[in-house]
Protein backbone atom coordinates (compact mmCIF):
# COMPACT_ATOMS: atom_id res chain seq x y z
CA MET A 1 220.85 81.62 77.12
CA PRO A 2 219.52 84.12 74.47
CA LEU A 3 217.35 81.37 72.96
CA LEU A 4 215.98 80.48 76.41
CA MET A 5 215.13 84.12 77.18
CA ALA A 6 213.39 84.54 73.81
CA LEU A 7 211.37 81.35 74.42
CA CYS A 8 210.27 82.62 77.87
CA THR A 9 209.25 85.95 76.35
CA VAL A 10 207.13 84.24 73.68
CA ILE A 11 205.47 81.99 76.29
CA GLY A 12 204.72 85.07 78.45
CA ILE A 13 203.12 86.86 75.50
CA LEU A 14 200.96 83.81 74.65
CA ILE A 15 199.78 83.52 78.29
CA GLY A 16 198.97 87.25 78.34
CA ILE A 17 196.94 86.97 75.13
CA PHE A 18 195.05 83.97 76.50
CA TYR A 19 194.02 85.74 79.75
CA THR A 20 193.23 88.98 77.94
CA ASN A 21 190.89 87.21 75.53
CA HIS A 22 189.14 85.24 78.25
CA PHE A 23 188.73 87.89 80.93
CA SER A 24 188.56 91.32 79.26
CA GLY A 25 189.34 91.20 75.57
CA ASN A 26 186.12 89.53 74.48
CA ARG A 27 184.09 92.51 75.69
CA LEU A 28 186.41 94.96 73.98
CA ASN A 29 186.34 92.91 70.79
CA ILE A 30 182.54 93.01 70.79
CA ILE A 31 182.55 96.79 71.26
CA ASN A 32 185.20 97.25 68.58
CA THR A 33 183.37 94.96 66.19
CA GLU A 34 180.05 96.76 66.61
CA SER A 35 181.79 100.14 66.36
CA ASN A 36 183.43 99.05 63.11
CA ARG A 37 180.03 97.98 61.77
CA LEU A 38 178.61 101.41 62.48
CA ASN A 39 181.59 103.13 60.91
CA ASN A 40 181.41 100.86 57.88
CA LEU A 41 177.67 101.51 57.51
CA LEU A 42 178.16 105.28 57.56
CA ARG A 43 181.04 104.97 55.08
CA ILE A 44 178.95 102.84 52.71
CA ILE A 45 175.99 105.26 52.90
CA ASP A 46 178.26 108.23 52.27
CA ASP A 47 179.93 106.47 49.34
CA GLN A 48 177.12 104.58 47.61
CA TYR A 49 173.67 105.89 48.63
CA VAL A 50 171.49 107.07 45.72
CA ASP A 51 171.26 110.68 46.99
CA SER A 52 173.70 112.88 48.83
CA VAL A 53 173.39 112.46 52.59
CA ASN A 54 174.49 114.60 55.53
CA VAL A 55 176.38 111.98 57.55
CA ASN A 56 176.84 114.32 60.52
CA GLU A 57 173.09 114.71 60.71
CA LEU A 58 172.65 110.93 60.61
CA VAL A 59 175.03 110.57 63.55
CA GLU A 60 173.26 113.40 65.41
CA ASN A 61 169.97 111.54 65.05
CA ALA A 62 171.43 108.11 65.83
CA ILE A 63 173.07 108.94 69.17
CA PRO A 64 169.80 109.81 70.98
CA MET A 65 168.27 106.61 69.61
CA ILE A 66 171.13 104.53 71.06
CA LEU A 67 170.89 106.23 74.46
CA SER A 68 167.11 105.81 74.48
CA GLU A 69 167.69 102.05 74.73
CA LEU A 70 169.23 102.66 78.18
CA ASP A 71 167.57 104.27 81.20
CA PRO A 72 165.24 107.30 80.80
CA HIS A 73 167.84 109.79 82.06
CA SER A 74 170.80 109.00 79.80
CA VAL A 75 170.48 111.64 77.09
CA TYR A 76 172.34 113.37 74.27
CA ILE A 77 172.61 117.17 74.15
CA SER A 78 173.62 118.81 70.88
CA ALA A 79 176.30 121.51 70.79
CA LYS A 80 173.62 124.13 70.12
CA GLU A 81 171.64 123.11 73.20
CA VAL A 82 174.51 122.69 75.67
CA ALA A 83 174.76 126.34 76.80
CA THR A 84 171.00 126.72 77.24
CA THR A 85 170.75 123.42 79.13
CA ASN A 86 173.34 124.45 81.70
CA ASP A 87 172.30 128.10 82.13
CA ASP A 88 169.69 127.44 84.81
CA LEU A 89 172.14 125.47 86.93
CA LYS A 90 175.06 127.86 86.49
CA GLY A 91 173.05 130.71 87.98
CA SER A 92 173.82 133.12 85.16
CA PHE A 93 173.91 133.48 81.39
CA PHE A 94 175.00 136.04 78.83
CA GLY A 95 172.18 137.94 77.18
CA ILE A 96 170.24 141.21 77.07
CA GLY A 97 168.40 140.81 80.38
CA ILE A 98 164.70 140.32 79.69
CA GLN A 99 161.99 137.85 80.61
CA PHE A 100 159.61 137.35 77.73
CA THR A 101 156.60 135.43 76.56
CA ILE A 102 155.53 134.66 73.00
CA ARG A 103 152.01 135.79 72.12
CA GLU A 104 150.53 135.91 68.64
CA ASP A 105 153.92 134.93 67.15
CA THR A 106 155.65 137.94 68.72
CA ILE A 107 158.06 138.39 71.64
CA HIS A 108 156.43 140.38 74.46
CA VAL A 109 158.73 141.66 77.21
CA GLU A 110 157.33 140.54 80.57
CA ASP A 111 160.04 142.01 82.74
CA VAL A 112 163.48 143.59 82.46
CA ILE A 113 166.24 142.46 84.81
CA ALA A 114 167.61 145.22 87.02
CA ASP A 115 170.78 146.88 85.70
CA GLY A 116 170.86 144.63 82.64
CA PRO A 117 171.54 145.82 79.06
CA ALA A 118 167.81 146.02 78.25
CA GLU A 119 166.98 148.19 81.27
CA ARG A 120 169.96 150.47 80.65
CA SER A 121 168.81 150.99 77.05
CA GLY A 122 165.26 151.96 78.04
CA ILE A 123 163.38 148.75 77.16
CA VAL A 124 160.41 148.29 79.50
CA ALA A 125 157.87 145.57 80.28
CA GLY A 126 155.11 145.65 77.69
CA ASP A 127 157.44 146.31 74.74
CA LYS A 128 157.47 143.94 71.76
CA ILE A 129 160.62 142.78 69.96
CA VAL A 130 159.85 142.49 66.24
CA GLU A 131 163.36 142.57 64.70
CA VAL A 132 166.74 141.03 65.52
CA ASP A 133 169.90 142.24 63.75
CA GLY A 134 167.99 143.96 60.96
CA LYS A 135 165.73 141.01 60.14
CA LYS A 136 162.05 140.73 61.02
CA PHE A 137 161.44 138.27 63.81
CA VAL A 138 157.73 137.62 63.88
CA GLY A 139 155.56 134.73 62.76
CA LYS A 140 155.87 130.98 63.10
CA GLU A 141 159.67 131.03 63.31
CA VAL A 142 159.39 132.78 66.70
CA THR A 143 159.85 129.99 69.26
CA ASN A 144 161.41 130.01 72.72
CA SER A 145 164.50 128.16 71.54
CA GLU A 146 164.99 130.38 68.46
CA ALA A 147 164.46 133.56 70.48
CA MET A 148 167.03 132.52 73.07
CA LEU A 149 169.46 131.51 70.33
CA ARG A 150 169.25 134.99 68.78
CA LEU A 151 169.16 137.08 71.95
CA LYS A 152 171.75 135.19 73.99
CA GLY A 153 175.43 135.22 73.07
CA GLU A 154 178.95 135.72 74.35
CA LYS A 155 179.63 138.54 76.77
CA GLY A 156 180.53 141.79 75.02
CA THR A 157 178.92 140.88 71.69
CA LYS A 158 176.33 143.19 70.12
CA VAL A 159 172.77 142.58 69.02
CA THR A 160 170.38 145.12 67.50
CA VAL A 161 166.69 144.67 68.31
CA GLY A 162 163.66 146.37 66.80
CA VAL A 163 161.35 147.39 69.65
CA MET A 164 157.72 148.42 69.40
CA SER A 165 156.33 150.08 72.54
CA TYR A 166 152.83 149.23 73.74
CA GLY A 167 150.20 151.20 71.81
CA SER A 168 152.70 152.35 69.15
CA LYS A 169 153.32 151.03 65.65
CA LYS A 170 156.71 152.70 65.30
CA VAL A 171 159.77 150.42 65.47
CA LYS A 172 162.71 151.76 67.48
CA ARG A 173 166.06 150.06 66.82
CA ILE A 174 168.35 149.64 69.81
CA THR A 175 171.85 148.13 69.87
CA LEU A 176 172.61 146.19 73.05
CA ILE A 177 175.86 144.76 74.35
CA ARG A 178 175.29 141.35 75.91
CA ASP A 179 176.30 141.02 79.53
CA GLU A 180 176.16 138.50 82.38
CA ILE A 181 172.62 138.07 83.69
CA ARG A 182 172.18 136.53 87.12
CA THR A 183 169.34 134.07 87.76
CA GLN A 184 167.94 133.07 91.13
CA SER A 185 167.25 129.51 92.27
CA VAL A 186 165.94 130.63 95.66
CA THR A 187 162.92 132.50 94.35
CA ALA A 188 161.10 133.42 97.58
CA ALA A 189 162.07 133.96 101.21
CA TYR A 190 159.69 135.63 103.67
CA MET A 191 157.93 135.12 107.00
CA LEU A 192 154.65 133.17 106.86
CA ASN A 193 153.79 134.48 110.32
CA GLU A 194 155.65 136.05 113.25
CA THR A 195 157.87 133.00 113.86
CA THR A 196 157.78 130.82 110.72
CA GLY A 197 160.06 131.47 107.77
CA TYR A 198 159.47 130.16 104.26
CA ILE A 199 162.07 129.52 101.52
CA LYS A 200 161.21 128.41 97.99
CA VAL A 201 164.04 126.56 96.19
CA LYS A 202 163.34 126.35 92.45
CA SER A 203 166.40 124.30 91.43
CA PHE A 204 169.76 123.05 92.73
CA GLY A 205 172.35 125.11 90.87
CA GLU A 206 175.87 126.36 91.47
CA ASN A 207 174.71 129.33 93.56
CA THR A 208 171.75 127.73 95.37
CA TYR A 209 173.56 127.00 98.63
CA ALA A 210 174.92 130.55 98.83
CA GLU A 211 171.46 131.94 98.08
CA LEU A 212 170.00 129.71 100.81
CA LEU A 213 172.47 131.05 103.38
CA VAL A 214 171.59 134.63 102.45
CA ALA A 215 167.87 133.84 102.77
CA LEU A 216 168.41 132.17 106.16
CA ALA A 217 170.46 135.11 107.42
CA THR A 218 167.76 137.55 106.31
CA LEU A 219 164.96 135.57 107.96
CA SER A 220 167.02 135.14 111.13
CA GLN A 221 166.83 138.91 111.62
CA GLU A 222 163.02 138.60 111.80
CA ASP A 223 162.73 136.25 114.82
CA LEU A 224 162.96 133.03 112.80
CA GLN A 225 161.95 130.08 115.01
CA ASN A 226 160.50 127.58 112.50
CA LEU A 227 161.46 126.97 108.88
CA VAL A 228 159.71 125.68 105.75
CA ILE A 229 161.76 124.65 102.70
CA ASP A 230 159.52 124.31 99.65
CA LEU A 231 160.84 121.86 97.02
CA ARG A 232 157.57 121.42 95.15
CA ASP A 233 158.03 121.42 91.36
CA ASN A 234 161.83 121.39 91.86
CA VAL A 235 163.16 118.87 89.33
CA GLY A 236 166.65 118.83 90.84
CA GLY A 237 170.10 119.81 89.63
CA TYR A 238 173.53 119.35 91.15
CA MET A 239 173.83 116.55 93.69
CA GLN A 240 176.60 118.38 95.58
CA THR A 241 174.30 121.36 96.19
CA ALA A 242 171.70 119.12 97.84
CA ILE A 243 174.44 117.65 100.05
CA GLN A 244 175.63 121.13 101.07
CA MET A 245 172.08 122.16 101.94
CA ALA A 246 171.44 118.99 103.97
CA ASN A 247 174.68 119.53 105.85
CA GLU A 248 173.35 122.86 107.11
CA PHE A 249 170.61 121.11 109.10
CA LEU A 250 172.26 117.88 110.33
CA PRO A 251 174.53 117.14 113.30
CA ALA A 252 177.98 115.70 112.68
CA LYS A 253 178.63 112.31 111.08
CA ARG A 254 175.12 111.75 109.78
CA LEU A 255 174.86 109.97 106.42
CA ILE A 256 173.28 112.32 103.87
CA THR A 257 173.35 109.96 100.88
CA TYR A 258 175.60 107.47 99.16
CA MET A 259 176.09 106.51 95.52
CA GLU A 260 177.14 103.24 93.95
CA GLY A 261 177.33 101.77 90.44
CA ARG A 262 178.85 98.95 88.42
CA ARG A 263 182.03 100.95 87.82
CA SER A 264 181.50 103.44 90.69
CA PRO A 265 182.52 102.12 94.13
CA ARG A 266 180.29 103.13 97.01
CA LYS A 267 180.88 106.71 98.14
CA ASN A 268 179.36 108.03 101.36
CA PHE A 269 178.51 111.69 101.95
CA LEU A 270 178.47 112.60 105.66
CA SER A 271 177.57 115.81 107.50
CA ASP A 272 180.46 117.67 109.14
CA GLY A 273 178.54 119.23 112.04
CA ARG A 274 179.24 122.81 110.98
CA GLY A 275 175.68 123.66 109.97
CA ALA A 276 174.19 126.66 111.75
CA TYR A 277 170.59 125.39 111.75
CA GLN A 278 170.89 121.90 113.24
CA THR A 279 168.11 122.34 115.81
CA ILE A 280 165.52 124.58 114.16
CA PRO A 281 162.10 122.90 113.66
CA LEU A 282 161.92 122.09 109.95
CA VAL A 283 159.28 121.09 107.41
CA VAL A 284 160.09 120.13 103.81
CA LEU A 285 157.41 120.35 101.12
CA ILE A 286 157.43 118.00 98.10
CA ASN A 287 155.09 116.90 95.32
CA GLU A 288 155.07 114.58 92.33
CA VAL A 289 157.42 116.85 90.33
CA SER A 290 160.08 117.07 93.07
CA ALA A 291 162.94 114.96 91.75
CA SER A 292 166.62 114.08 91.93
CA SER A 293 168.44 116.51 94.26
CA SER A 294 165.10 117.44 95.83
CA GLU A 295 164.71 113.79 96.79
CA ILE A 296 168.28 113.59 98.11
CA PHE A 297 167.58 116.49 100.46
CA ALA A 298 164.10 115.30 101.49
CA GLY A 299 165.34 111.71 101.94
CA ALA A 300 168.24 112.85 104.14
CA MET A 301 165.88 114.87 106.35
CA GLN A 302 163.34 112.04 106.57
CA ASP A 303 165.72 109.13 107.20
CA ASN A 304 167.63 111.11 109.84
CA ASP A 305 164.31 112.10 111.47
CA ARG A 306 165.39 115.71 111.12
CA ALA A 307 162.21 117.15 109.52
CA THR A 308 158.60 116.39 108.74
CA ILE A 309 157.93 115.88 105.02
CA ILE A 310 154.56 117.22 103.81
CA GLY A 311 152.84 117.00 100.42
CA ARG A 312 152.56 114.18 97.89
CA ARG A 313 154.90 111.38 96.77
CA SER A 314 157.92 112.69 94.87
CA PHE A 315 158.91 111.81 91.30
CA GLY A 316 161.33 108.93 91.92
CA LYS A 317 164.64 109.73 90.21
CA GLY A 318 167.50 107.93 91.92
CA LEU A 319 170.04 107.78 89.08
CA VAL A 320 173.30 109.75 88.92
CA GLN A 321 174.44 111.17 85.57
CA GLN A 322 177.92 112.16 84.47
CA GLN A 323 178.38 114.76 81.73
CA ILE A 324 180.80 113.63 79.00
CA SER A 325 181.70 116.13 76.29
CA PHE A 326 182.57 115.43 72.65
CA PRO A 327 185.10 117.41 70.57
CA ASP A 328 182.30 119.28 68.74
CA ALA A 329 181.04 120.67 72.11
CA SER A 330 178.01 118.35 72.21
CA MET A 331 177.75 116.00 75.18
CA ILE A 332 175.93 113.11 76.75
CA ARG A 333 174.59 112.69 80.26
CA LEU A 334 175.27 109.05 81.05
CA THR A 335 173.92 107.27 84.12
CA ILE A 336 176.89 105.89 86.06
CA ALA A 337 175.42 105.09 89.49
CA ARG A 338 172.38 105.06 91.74
CA TYR A 339 172.09 107.15 94.84
CA TYR A 340 170.60 105.86 98.09
CA SER A 341 169.05 107.57 101.07
CA PRO A 342 170.65 107.09 104.54
CA SER A 343 168.36 104.14 105.39
CA GLY A 344 169.60 102.32 102.26
CA ARG A 345 166.59 102.79 99.99
CA CYS A 346 166.95 103.62 96.31
CA ILE A 347 164.41 106.29 95.36
CA GLN A 348 164.43 105.39 91.65
CA LYS A 349 161.02 104.26 90.43
CA PRO A 350 160.86 101.14 88.23
CA TYR A 351 161.63 101.42 84.52
CA THR A 352 162.19 99.13 81.57
CA LEU A 353 165.27 99.62 79.39
CA GLY A 354 164.28 101.40 76.20
CA ASP A 355 160.69 102.05 77.28
CA GLY A 356 160.76 105.80 77.87
CA GLN A 357 157.12 106.25 76.92
CA LYS A 358 155.79 104.18 79.84
CA TYR A 359 158.19 105.95 82.18
CA GLU A 360 156.92 109.38 81.10
CA GLN A 361 153.35 108.16 81.55
CA ASP A 362 153.90 107.45 85.25
CA LEU A 363 152.63 110.79 86.63
CA ILE A 364 149.50 110.56 84.48
CA ASP A 365 148.94 107.00 85.73
CA ARG A 366 149.26 108.21 89.33
CA PHE A 367 146.58 110.81 88.64
CA LYS A 368 144.26 108.23 87.07
CA ASN A 369 144.83 105.83 89.96
CA GLY A 370 143.76 108.51 92.44
CA GLU A 371 147.13 108.94 94.14
CA TYR A 372 146.90 112.75 94.08
CA PHE A 373 143.66 112.59 96.05
CA SER A 374 144.09 109.69 98.49
CA GLN A 375 147.06 108.50 100.50
CA ASP A 376 145.68 104.95 100.40
CA SER A 377 146.23 104.93 96.61
CA ILE A 378 150.01 105.18 96.96
CA LYS A 379 151.60 101.91 95.88
CA HIS A 380 154.86 100.98 97.64
CA GLU A 381 156.65 98.72 95.17
CA GLY A 382 159.98 98.73 97.00
CA PRO A 383 161.08 97.05 100.23
CA GLU A 384 160.55 98.48 103.72
CA TYR A 385 163.33 100.41 105.46
CA HIS A 386 163.60 102.26 108.78
CA THR A 387 164.75 105.71 109.86
CA THR A 388 167.14 106.34 112.75
CA ILE A 389 164.30 106.14 115.30
CA GLY A 390 162.57 103.20 113.61
CA ARG A 391 159.90 104.82 111.46
CA LYS A 392 158.94 102.86 108.32
CA VAL A 393 159.95 104.28 104.93
CA TYR A 394 159.85 102.70 101.48
CA GLY A 395 162.11 102.55 98.45
CA GLY A 396 161.46 101.97 94.79
CA GLY A 397 159.52 105.04 93.77
CA GLY A 398 160.08 108.46 95.31
CA ILE A 399 159.79 109.90 98.81
CA THR A 400 156.42 109.29 100.46
CA PRO A 401 155.60 112.26 102.72
CA ASP A 402 155.01 111.88 106.44
CA ILE A 403 151.85 113.97 106.07
CA PHE A 404 149.85 113.59 102.86
CA VAL A 405 147.88 116.57 101.50
CA ALA A 406 145.52 115.78 98.64
CA GLU A 407 145.18 118.00 95.59
CA ASP A 408 142.01 120.06 95.87
CA THR A 409 139.81 119.68 92.77
CA SER A 410 136.45 120.51 94.36
CA SER A 411 136.13 123.78 92.40
CA MET A 412 137.53 122.39 89.14
CA THR A 413 135.22 122.51 86.11
CA SER A 414 135.63 121.82 82.41
CA TYR A 415 135.30 125.59 81.83
CA TYR A 416 138.29 126.30 84.08
CA LYS A 417 140.36 123.53 82.50
CA LYS A 418 139.66 124.84 79.01
CA ALA A 419 140.45 128.41 80.07
CA VAL A 420 143.86 127.23 81.28
CA MET A 421 144.68 124.74 78.50
CA THR A 422 143.83 127.16 75.67
CA GLY A 423 146.04 129.84 77.18
CA LEU A 424 143.15 132.32 77.20
CA MET A 425 143.58 133.26 80.87
CA LEU A 426 147.29 133.91 80.35
CA LYS A 427 146.49 136.03 77.29
CA PHE A 428 143.85 137.97 79.21
CA ALA A 429 146.22 138.59 82.15
CA TYR A 430 148.98 139.85 79.84
CA GLN A 431 146.59 142.05 77.92
CA TYR A 432 145.08 143.51 81.10
CA THR A 433 148.59 144.16 82.44
CA ASP A 434 149.67 145.98 79.27
CA GLU A 435 146.52 148.13 79.16
CA ASN A 436 146.74 149.08 82.84
CA ARG A 437 150.49 149.01 83.50
CA LYS A 438 150.73 152.67 84.54
CA LYS A 439 148.09 152.23 87.26
CA LEU A 440 149.34 148.81 88.36
CA LYS A 441 152.90 150.11 88.78
CA GLU A 442 151.65 152.30 91.62
CA PHE A 443 151.49 149.16 93.81
CA THR A 444 154.87 148.01 95.07
CA ASP A 445 153.88 145.08 97.28
CA MET A 446 151.79 141.94 96.85
CA GLN A 447 149.11 142.71 99.43
CA SER A 448 148.12 146.14 98.12
CA LEU A 449 148.15 144.98 94.49
CA SER A 450 146.06 141.86 95.21
CA GLN A 451 143.51 143.94 97.17
CA TYR A 452 143.19 146.32 94.22
CA LEU A 453 142.73 143.45 91.74
CA VAL A 454 139.96 141.86 93.82
CA ARG A 455 137.92 145.05 93.37
CA GLN A 456 138.26 144.99 89.56
CA ASN A 457 135.82 142.09 88.98
CA LEU A 458 138.30 140.42 86.62
CA VAL A 459 136.45 137.10 86.42
CA GLU A 460 133.51 138.79 84.71
CA ARG A 461 135.86 140.65 82.40
CA PHE A 462 137.56 137.40 81.52
CA ALA A 463 134.25 135.63 80.85
CA THR A 464 133.40 138.32 78.29
CA PHE A 465 136.90 138.13 76.81
CA GLY A 466 136.72 134.33 76.62
CA ASP A 467 133.31 134.39 74.96
CA LYS A 468 134.70 136.61 72.21
CA ASN A 469 137.64 134.24 71.71
CA GLY A 470 135.90 130.89 71.43
CA LEU A 471 135.35 129.95 75.10
CA LYS A 472 131.59 129.84 75.48
CA ARG A 473 130.29 131.46 78.66
CA ARG A 474 129.04 128.92 81.25
CA ASN A 475 127.64 130.85 84.21
CA LEU A 476 127.13 127.87 86.54
CA MET A 477 130.67 126.62 85.94
CA ILE A 478 132.09 130.13 86.26
CA ASN A 479 130.43 130.55 89.66
CA ARG A 480 131.71 127.18 90.84
CA SER A 481 135.27 127.92 89.68
CA ARG A 482 135.21 131.64 90.52
CA ALA A 483 137.85 131.41 93.24
CA LEU A 484 140.20 129.40 90.98
CA LEU A 485 139.67 131.76 88.03
CA GLU A 486 140.30 134.85 90.14
CA ARG A 487 143.35 133.29 91.75
CA PHE A 488 144.92 132.34 88.42
CA ILE A 489 144.30 135.73 86.78
CA ASN A 490 145.44 137.76 89.79
CA ALA A 491 148.55 135.60 90.22
CA ARG A 492 149.68 136.19 86.64
CA ILE A 493 149.12 139.95 86.89
CA ILE A 494 151.03 140.08 90.19
CA TYR A 495 153.88 138.18 88.52
CA ASN A 496 153.84 140.53 85.52
CA ILE A 497 154.02 143.65 87.70
CA LEU A 498 156.16 142.45 90.63
CA ASP A 499 158.18 139.20 90.55
CA GLU A 500 158.18 135.47 91.22
CA SER A 501 158.55 135.96 94.96
CA ALA A 502 155.34 138.02 95.07
CA LEU A 503 153.59 135.36 92.96
CA THR A 504 154.60 132.63 95.43
CA GLU A 505 153.57 134.68 98.45
CA TYR A 506 150.16 135.37 96.88
CA LEU A 507 149.45 131.71 96.04
CA ASN A 508 150.60 130.47 99.46
CA GLN A 509 147.71 132.37 101.06
CA PHE A 510 145.29 129.81 99.60
CA ASP A 511 147.49 126.71 99.86
CA PRO A 512 146.22 123.88 102.12
CA VAL A 513 149.78 122.52 102.31
CA ILE A 514 150.92 125.76 103.94
CA ASP A 515 147.97 125.62 106.36
CA LYS A 516 148.90 122.05 107.30
CA THR A 517 152.53 123.09 107.79
CA ILE A 518 151.72 125.93 110.16
CA GLY A 519 149.57 123.51 112.17
CA VAL A 520 152.54 121.15 112.54
CA PHE A 521 154.66 123.94 114.02
CA GLU A 522 151.88 125.12 116.31
CA ARG A 523 151.54 121.59 117.74
CA GLY A 524 155.31 121.19 118.10
CA GLU A 525 155.39 118.20 115.73
CA ALA A 526 158.12 119.21 113.27
CA PHE A 527 160.55 116.68 114.79
CA PRO A 528 159.27 113.15 114.06
CA LYS A 529 158.42 111.04 117.07
CA LYS A 530 159.52 107.46 117.72
CA PRO A 531 156.76 105.03 116.71
CA GLU A 532 154.91 103.08 119.35
CA PRO A 533 156.07 99.43 119.57
CA GLU A 534 153.78 97.08 117.69
CA ALA A 535 151.65 94.78 119.82
CA ASN A 536 152.81 91.18 119.93
CA ALA A 537 150.74 89.26 117.39
CA SER A 538 151.06 85.95 119.27
CA VAL A 539 148.83 85.33 122.25
CA SER A 540 148.47 82.26 124.43
CA SER A 541 145.54 79.90 124.06
CA LYS A 542 144.42 80.88 127.55
CA GLN A 543 144.31 84.54 126.49
CA LYS A 544 142.34 83.59 123.36
CA LYS A 545 139.83 81.63 125.47
CA SER A 546 139.45 84.50 127.94
CA SER A 547 138.93 86.92 125.08
CA SER A 548 136.30 84.61 123.57
CA GLN A 549 134.40 84.42 126.87
CA ARG A 550 134.37 88.21 127.21
CA LYS A 551 132.71 88.47 123.79
């Protein structure tokens, strides 16, 4: 009996090994073999290479190269970059509480955040930071990433900055204690007219849904009857936030999105019917930079025939990433699934494994192909799908808006382009702000400040400034682009003195997309209408003959 039991055990083990090798083990063996080759290579380099080598640095450089052979959105994030990468989505960070720009290799304070360490210490907009922790911080080493690395830090830690006030050459040293600084993802919320509210959503972070509810509650106190949600230039963020937002506008049991992957079984996300704004007329604005969570929200509204989508075709990112951390605090974002809109379309635009360059070139190719200027230039590479009431929509490359609004380039000249690309207009706006800050601070709202700026003839001042700094004066081009030049300069000054909300409100006054949106509400067309049935293509021979005789 013992011999028989031992024999059965051995046979069972052999059968198990056979099935393991044939159905799962081969794949694992391949992975283990390749992993061993990489480990052996690193060990050989470390042991025998002619010069000393930093193996950790080799690994750091190799991981992004490996991931680059996958899809364009699987990426590696070093330990040093992790905190900065997640700050925007978390809705807060630990720092000194300033917004800054780098001009002439020096940090210039654009704005101080209310009740932050910088404001409490007396730092004001217009100051320059020239030292950090007793060391000079000016010159080529001053970059955005390096500045954030030095000024951000754990809550409660100290940093000493050398501050030079505008017009002074004396350095004042101030010790600050880093604190939590809140950031906003809903950057504007105001009434476009007596009945139409406008909300600008910059990103989909942890606090975005809560910020949206606050904005909606505020606008509801001002006779809100129509609503615009602006997702232009919103590159996305957390998928769950987009689902929460969509739920606020949909009736119960409507599919918002679903995700599915090779190792990720299909998961549906349905509305629960608790949203407080299920019947309000709604328009969603998108453009070629609107991506990811922006497309989830816009796709849910479009496929459920809940809103009219206005603008230009969105980016086309339909891949879901999972963050996986390593012991050294670095991490990867690995694509694990695709998400689909309610009609079943995948929004992801085509890509070739390992060819990130062509993928990044897509928006430039759209511009060259005329897609920003003509709806007829939009190429639908994916199959045709249908919304709940039968409207045609397409997959395979972003959300195509229901109403297309072309980019206006009629006033664009090479002079204007050069003024923007060289940064001279930004420099002029900052310099004008610094020199006139005391006067400009007298204006506390966008309308009064913009009216004052119009009277200052800033385009002519800029033309003189540009001529002195290498941008040759071109009077004909300046006259043609005058409105664009004035708008850009005034917008930056308004942002410097007020905030991002005032900047958005100012620019919206001249935006053809906003004009088109208000027209949709005025005509009562925010809710999409069921398409007319297509005429039957087949006709009888008698009908054909009759038609021929009438000709």
